[in-house]
Amino acid sequence: MKQTTFASQAFNAKKRQTRREKFLAEMEQVVPWTELVGVIAPYYPKAGRRGRPPMPLESMLRIYVMQ
């Protein structure tokens, strides 16, 4: 059983969608994320080498597109 918090109740009770939420929803529909990830994946650095592990590919792709 998961207890609800004040923040989750306030978030669930809000009525309007913010500009950010509208923009992200539109980008989700317009950009073919899975196809782009499939194209980039062979060239993206893999984990297991020395140094800092790479960020997840899909997260980095979304950051670059949103910039």
PDB file of N, CA and C in Angstrom:
ATOM      1  N   MET A   1       0.844  -1.176   0.000  1.00  0.00           N
ATOM      2  CA  MET A   1       0.000   0.000   0.000  1.00  0.00           C
ATOM      3  C   MET A   1       0.884   1.232   0.000  1.00  0.00           C
ATOM      4  N   LYS A   2       0.640   2.121  -0.933  1.00  0.00           N
ATOM      5  CA  LYS A   2       1.456   3.322  -1.041  1.00  0.00           C
ATOM      6  C   LYS A   2       0.706   4.514  -0.465  1.00  0.00           C
ATOM      7  N   GLN A   3       1.360   5.224   0.417  1.00  0.00           N
ATOM      8  CA  GLN A   3       0.743   6.377   1.057  1.00  0.00           C
ATOM      9  C   GLN A   3       0.898   7.603   0.159  1.00  0.00           C
ATOM     10  N   THR A   4      -0.166   8.376  -0.014  1.00  0.00           N
ATOM     11  CA  THR A   4      -0.078   9.592  -0.816  1.00  0.00           C
ATOM     12  C   THR A   4       0.504  10.717   0.011  1.00  0.00           C
ATOM     13  N   THR A   5       1.213  11.608  -0.656  1.00  0.00           N
ATOM     14  CA  THR A   5       1.819  12.750   0.011  1.00  0.00           C
ATOM     15  C   THR A   5       1.054  14.009  -0.364  1.00  0.00           C
ATOM     16  N   PHE A   6       1.340  15.088   0.342  1.00  0.00           N
ATOM     17  CA  PHE A   6       0.709  16.356   0.010  1.00  0.00           C
ATOM     18  C   PHE A   6       1.102  16.801  -1.390  1.00  0.00           C
ATOM     19  N   ALA A   7       2.354  16.588  -1.760  1.00  0.00           N
ATOM     20  CA  ALA A   7       2.814  16.997  -3.089  1.00  0.00           C
ATOM     21  C   ALA A   7       2.108  16.208  -4.181  1.00  0.00           C
ATOM     22  N   SER A   8       1.943  14.905  -3.986  1.00  0.00           N
ATOM     23  CA  SER A   8       1.274  14.110  -5.009  1.00  0.00           C
ATOM     24  C   SER A   8      -0.204  14.470  -5.105  1.00  0.00           C
ATOM     25  N   GLN A   9      -0.833  14.807  -3.999  1.00  0.00           N
ATOM     26  CA  GLN A   9      -2.230  15.228  -4.038  1.00  0.00           C
ATOM     27  C   GLN A   9      -2.383  16.556  -4.757  1.00  0.00           C
ATOM     28  N   ALA A  10      -1.460  17.473  -4.513  1.00  0.00           N
ATOM     29  CA  ALA A  10      -1.515  18.770  -5.186  1.00  0.00           C
ATOM     30  C   ALA A  10      -1.273  18.602  -6.680  1.00  0.00           C
ATOM     31  N   PHE A  11      -0.341  17.727  -7.046  1.00  0.00           N
ATOM     32  CA  PHE A  11      -0.051  17.496  -8.453  1.00  0.00           C
ATOM     33  C   PHE A  11      -1.241  16.847  -9.154  1.00  0.00           C
ATOM     34  N   ASN A  12      -1.891  15.899  -8.515  1.00  0.00           N
ATOM     35  CA  ASN A  12      -3.039  15.226  -9.111  1.00  0.00           C
ATOM     36  C   ASN A  12      -4.245  16.147  -9.205  1.00  0.00           C
ATOM     37  N   ALA A  13      -4.336  17.137  -8.328  1.00  0.00           N
ATOM     38  CA  ALA A  13      -5.495  18.025  -8.292  1.00  0.00           C
ATOM     39  C   ALA A  13      -5.372  19.194  -9.271  1.00  0.00           C
ATOM     40  N   LYS A  14      -4.187  19.441  -9.817  1.00  0.00           N
ATOM     41  CA  LYS A  14      -4.052  20.603 -10.699  1.00  0.00           C
ATOM     42  C   LYS A  14      -4.824  20.387 -11.992  1.00  0.00           C
ATOM     43  N   LYS A  15      -5.338  21.461 -12.535  1.00  0.00           N
ATOM     44  CA  LYS A  15      -6.231  21.357 -13.679  1.00  0.00           C
ATOM     45  C   LYS A  15      -5.560  21.738 -14.992  1.00  0.00           C
ATOM     46  N   ARG A  16      -4.751  22.775 -15.000  1.00  0.00           N
ATOM     47  CA  ARG A  16      -4.132  23.243 -16.229  1.00  0.00           C
ATOM     48  C   ARG A  16      -2.827  22.519 -16.506  1.00  0.00           C
ATOM     49  N   GLN A  17      -2.545  22.385 -17.783  1.00  0.00           N
ATOM     50  CA  GLN A  17      -1.277  21.802 -18.209  1.00  0.00           C
ATOM     51  C   GLN A  17      -0.304  22.951 -18.442  1.00  0.00           C
ATOM     52  N   THR A  18       0.914  22.829 -17.924  1.00  0.00           N
ATOM     53  CA  THR A  18       1.880  23.908 -18.073  1.00  0.00           C
ATOM     54  C   THR A  18       2.422  23.940 -19.492  1.00  0.00           C
ATOM     55  N   ARG A  19       3.084  25.040 -19.843  1.00  0.00           N
ATOM     56  CA  ARG A  19       3.688  25.146 -21.177  1.00  0.00           C
ATOM     57  C   ARG A  19       4.746  24.071 -21.376  1.00  0.00           C
ATOM     58  N   ARG A  20       5.499  23.776 -20.329  1.00  0.00           N
ATOM     59  CA  ARG A  20       6.525  22.744 -20.416  1.00  0.00           C
ATOM     60  C   ARG A  20       5.910  21.382 -20.698  1.00  0.00           C
ATOM     61  N   GLU A  21       4.831  21.065 -19.995  1.00  0.00           N
ATOM     62  CA  GLU A  21       4.159  19.780 -20.212  1.00  0.00           C
ATOM     63  C   GLU A  21       3.591  19.681 -21.626  1.00  0.00           C
ATOM     64  N   LYS A  22       3.034  20.775 -22.127  1.00  0.00           N
ATOM     65  CA  LYS A  22       2.517  20.786 -23.497  1.00  0.00           C
ATOM     66  C   LYS A  22       3.644  20.573 -24.500  1.00  0.00           C
ATOM     67  N   PHE A  23       4.754  21.269 -24.295  1.00  0.00           N
ATOM     68  CA  PHE A  23       5.891  21.145 -25.201  1.00  0.00           C
ATOM     69  C   PHE A  23       6.447  19.730 -25.199  1.00  0.00           C
ATOM     70  N   LEU A  24       6.627  19.149 -24.022  1.00  0.00           N
ATOM     71  CA  LEU A  24       7.180  17.796 -23.941  1.00  0.00           C
ATOM     72  C   LEU A  24       6.226  16.760 -24.531  1.00  0.00           C
ATOM     73  N   ALA A  25       4.933  16.958 -24.357  1.00  0.00           N
ATOM     74  CA  ALA A  25       3.960  16.042 -24.945  1.00  0.00           C
ATOM     75  C   ALA A  25       3.997  16.126 -26.472  1.00  0.00           C
ATOM     76  N   GLU A  26       4.150  17.339 -26.990  1.00  0.00           N
ATOM     77  CA  GLU A  26       4.237  17.505 -28.443  1.00  0.00           C
ATOM     78  C   GLU A  26       5.523  16.888 -28.994  1.00  0.00           C
ATOM     79  N   MET A  27       6.631  17.077 -28.288  1.00  0.00           N
ATOM     80  CA  MET A  27       7.901  16.493 -28.732  1.00  0.00           C
ATOM     81  C   MET A  27       7.835  14.965 -28.705  1.00  0.00           C
ATOM     82  N   GLU A  28       7.123  14.417 -27.741  1.00  0.00           N
ATOM     83  CA  GLU A  28       6.975  12.964 -27.646  1.00  0.00           C
ATOM     84  C   GLU A  28       6.256  12.417 -28.871  1.00  0.00           C
ATOM     85  N   GLN A  29       5.297  13.175 -29.399  1.00  0.00           N
ATOM     86  CA  GLN A  29       4.556  12.737 -30.578  1.00  0.00           C
ATOM     87  C   GLN A  29       5.334  12.955 -31.868  1.00  0.00           C
ATOM     88  N   VAL A  30       6.125  14.027 -31.947  1.00  0.00           N
ATOM     89  CA  VAL A  30       6.777  14.426 -33.194  1.00  0.00           C
ATOM     90  C   VAL A  30       8.075  13.659 -33.455  1.00  0.00           C
ATOM     91  N   VAL A  31       8.895  13.478 -32.433  1.00  0.00           N
ATOM     92  CA  VAL A  31      10.231  12.898 -32.610  1.00  0.00           C
ATOM     93  C   VAL A  31      10.174  11.375 -32.488  1.00  0.00           C
ATOM     94  N   PRO A  32      10.714  10.642 -33.470  1.00  0.00           N
ATOM     95  CA  PRO A  32      10.749   9.170 -33.388  1.00  0.00           C
ATOM     96  C   PRO A  32      11.934   8.709 -32.529  1.00  0.00           C
ATOM     97  N   TRP A  33      11.750   8.700 -31.206  1.00  0.00           N
ATOM     98  CA  TRP A  33      12.856   8.431 -30.275  1.00  0.00           C
ATOM     99  C   TRP A  33      13.467   7.053 -30.485  1.00  0.00           C
ATOM    100  N   THR A  34      12.658   6.019 -30.617  1.00  0.00           N
ATOM    101  CA  THR A  34      13.207   4.655 -30.723  1.00  0.00           C
ATOM    102  C   THR A  34      14.030   4.475 -31.980  1.00  0.00           C
ATOM    103  N   GLU A  35      13.603   5.085 -33.085  1.00  0.00           N
ATOM    104  CA  GLU A  35      14.372   4.975 -34.329  1.00  0.00           C
ATOM    105  C   GLU A  35      15.706   5.691 -34.201  1.00  0.00           C
ATOM    106  N   LEU A  36      15.707   6.869 -33.584  1.00  0.00           N
ATOM    107  CA  LEU A  36      16.957   7.612 -33.404  1.00  0.00           C
ATOM    108  C   LEU A  36      17.916   6.879 -32.478  1.00  0.00           C
ATOM    109  N   VAL A  37      17.391   6.297 -31.419  1.00  0.00           N
ATOM    110  CA  VAL A  37      18.241   5.532 -30.498  1.00  0.00           C
ATOM    111  C   VAL A  37      18.854   4.347 -31.232  1.00  0.00           C
ATOM    112  N   GLY A  38      18.086   3.680 -32.085  1.00  0.00           N
ATOM    113  CA  GLY A  38      18.599   2.552 -32.852  1.00  0.00           C
ATOM    114  C   GLY A  38      19.715   2.940 -33.800  1.00  0.00           C
ATOM    115  N   VAL A  39      19.635   4.134 -34.376  1.00  0.00           N
ATOM    116  CA  VAL A  39      20.669   4.604 -35.303  1.00  0.00           C
ATOM    117  C   VAL A  39      21.948   4.969 -34.549  1.00  0.00           C
ATOM    118  N   ILE A  40      21.808   5.598 -33.391  1.00  0.00           N
ATOM    119  CA  ILE A  40      22.965   6.110 -32.643  1.00  0.00           C
ATOM    120  C   ILE A  40      23.629   5.034 -31.793  1.00  0.00           C
ATOM    121  N   ALA A  41      22.890   4.047 -31.348  1.00  0.00           N
ATOM    122  CA  ALA A  41      23.385   3.053 -30.386  1.00  0.00           C
ATOM    123  C   ALA A  41      24.704   2.387 -30.778  1.00  0.00           C
ATOM    124  N   PRO A  42      24.937   2.006 -32.045  1.00  0.00           N
ATOM    125  CA  PRO A  42      26.226   1.362 -32.356  1.00  0.00           C
ATOM    126  C   PRO A  42      27.435   2.263 -32.137  1.00  0.00           C
ATOM    127  N   TYR A  43      27.241   3.579 -32.167  1.00  0.00           N
ATOM    128  CA  TYR A  43      28.354   4.517 -32.039  1.00  0.00           C
ATOM    129  C   TYR A  43      28.489   5.106 -30.647  1.00  0.00           C
ATOM    130  N   TYR A  44      27.518   4.869 -29.799  1.00  0.00           N
ATOM    131  CA  TYR A  44      27.536   5.444 -28.457  1.00  0.00           C
ATOM    132  C   TYR A  44      28.485   4.641 -27.576  1.00  0.00           C
ATOM    133  N   PRO A  45      29.271   5.310 -26.698  1.00  0.00           N
ATOM    134  CA  PRO A  45      30.225   4.577 -25.858  1.00  0.00           C
ATOM    135  C   PRO A  45      29.532   3.580 -24.933  1.00  0.00           C
ATOM    136  N   LYS A  46      30.172   2.450 -24.740  1.00  0.00           N
ATOM    137  CA  LYS A  46      29.620   1.381 -23.904  1.00  0.00           C
ATOM    138  C   LYS A  46      30.198   1.462 -22.493  1.00  0.00           C
ATOM    139  N   ALA A  47      29.464   0.946 -21.537  1.00  0.00           N
ATOM    140  CA  ALA A  47      29.941   0.885 -20.156  1.00  0.00           C
ATOM    141  C   ALA A  47      30.948  -0.253 -20.032  1.00  0.00           C
ATOM    142  N   GLY A  48      31.737  -0.227 -19.000  1.00  0.00           N
ATOM    143  CA  GLY A  48      32.687  -1.293 -18.754  1.00  0.00           C
ATOM    144  C   GLY A  48      34.127  -0.876 -18.990  1.00  0.00           C
ATOM    145  N   ARG A  49      34.326   0.247 -19.610  1.00  0.00           N
ATOM    146  CA  ARG A  49      35.691   0.748 -19.785  1.00  0.00           C
ATOM    147  C   ARG A  49      36.081   1.549 -18.554  1.00  0.00           C
ATOM    148  N   ARG A  50      37.290   2.002 -18.544  1.00  0.00           N
ATOM    149  CA  ARG A  50      37.750   2.803 -17.413  1.00  0.00           C
ATOM    150  C   ARG A  50      37.086   4.166 -17.423  1.00  0.00           C
ATOM    151  N   GLY A  51      37.040   4.776 -16.255  1.00  0.00           N
ATOM    152  CA  GLY A  51      36.492   6.124 -16.150  1.00  0.00           C
ATOM    153  C   GLY A  51      35.027   6.129 -15.768  1.00  0.00           C
ATOM    154  N   ARG A  52      34.462   7.286 -15.905  1.00  0.00           N
ATOM    155  CA  ARG A  52      33.072   7.494 -15.539  1.00  0.00           C
ATOM    156  C   ARG A  52      32.150   6.768 -16.523  1.00  0.00           C
ATOM    157  N   PRO A  53      31.124   6.082 -16.028  1.00  0.00           N
ATOM    158  CA  PRO A  53      30.196   5.397 -16.938  1.00  0.00           C
ATOM    159  C   PRO A  53      29.390   6.417 -17.743  1.00  0.00           C
ATOM    160  N   PRO A  54      29.074   6.109 -18.992  1.00  0.00           N
ATOM    161  CA  PRO A  54      28.332   7.062 -19.819  1.00  0.00           C
ATOM    162  C   PRO A  54      26.889   7.213 -19.358  1.00  0.00           C
ATOM    163  N   MET A  55      26.323   8.369 -19.664  1.00  0.00           N
ATOM    164  CA  MET A  55      24.907   8.620 -19.375  1.00  0.00           C
ATOM    165  C   MET A  55      24.066   7.727 -20.278  1.00  0.00           C
ATOM    166  N   PRO A  56      22.830   7.405 -19.899  1.00  0.00           N
ATOM    167  CA  PRO A  56      21.964   6.603 -20.769  1.00  0.00           C
ATOM    168  C   PRO A  56      21.750   7.308 -22.113  1.00  0.00           C
ATOM    169  N   LEU A  57      21.779   6.539 -23.180  1.00  0.00           N
ATOM    170  CA  LEU A  57      21.695   7.090 -24.524  1.00  0.00           C
ATOM    171  C   LEU A  57      20.421   7.889 -24.743  1.00  0.00           C
ATOM    172  N   GLU A  58      19.283   7.330 -24.354  1.00  0.00           N
ATOM    173  CA  GLU A  58      18.022   8.024 -24.611  1.00  0.00           C
ATOM    174  C   GLU A  58      17.946   9.343 -23.852  1.00  0.00           C
ATOM    175  N   SER A  59      18.474   9.385 -22.646  1.00  0.00           N
ATOM    176  CA  SER A  59      18.478  10.632 -21.879  1.00  0.00           C
ATOM    177  C   SER A  59      19.329  11.689 -22.568  1.00  0.00           C
ATOM    178  N   MET A  60      20.503  11.312 -23.020  1.00  0.00           N
ATOM    179  CA  MET A  60      21.381  12.272 -23.698  1.00  0.00           C
ATOM    180  C   MET A  60      20.776  12.744 -25.008  1.00  0.00           C
ATOM    181  N   LEU A  61      20.150  11.856 -25.747  1.00  0.00           N
ATOM    182  CA  LEU A  61      19.522  12.237 -27.004  1.00  0.00           C
ATOM    183  C   LEU A  61      18.407  13.249 -26.757  1.00  0.00           C
ATOM    184  N   ARG A  62      17.597  13.009 -25.752  1.00  0.00           N
ATOM    185  CA  ARG A  62      16.513  13.948 -25.440  1.00  0.00           C
ATOM    186  C   ARG A  62      17.056  15.295 -25.015  1.00  0.00           C
ATOM    187  N   ILE A  63      18.141  15.309 -24.252  1.00  0.00           N
ATOM    188  CA  ILE A  63      18.753  16.572 -23.820  1.00  0.00           C
ATOM    189  C   ILE A  63      19.256  17.340 -25.021  1.00  0.00           C
ATOM    190  N   TYR A  64      19.953  16.688 -25.931  1.00  0.00           N
ATOM    191  CA  TYR A  64      20.492  17.372 -27.114  1.00  0.00           C
ATOM    192  C   TYR A  64      19.387  17.902 -28.002  1.00  0.00           C
ATOM    193  N   VAL A  65      18.321  17.155 -28.189  1.00  0.00           N
ATOM    194  CA  VAL A  65      17.218  17.612 -29.046  1.00  0.00           C
ATOM    195  C   VAL A  65      16.503  18.784 -28.397  1.00  0.00           C
ATOM    196  N   MET A  66      16.312  18.744 -27.098  1.00  0.00           N
ATOM    197  CA  MET A  66      15.610  19.835 -26.421  1.00  0.00           C
ATOM    198  C   MET A  66      16.412  21.120 -26.401  1.00  0.00           C
ATOM    199  N   GLN A  67      17.739  21.018 -26.456  1.00  0.00           N
ATOM    200  CA  GLN A  67      18.565  22.222 -26.482  1.00  0.00           C
ATOM    201  C   GLN A  67      18.342  22.944 -27.783  1.00  0.00           C
TER     202      GLN A  67
END
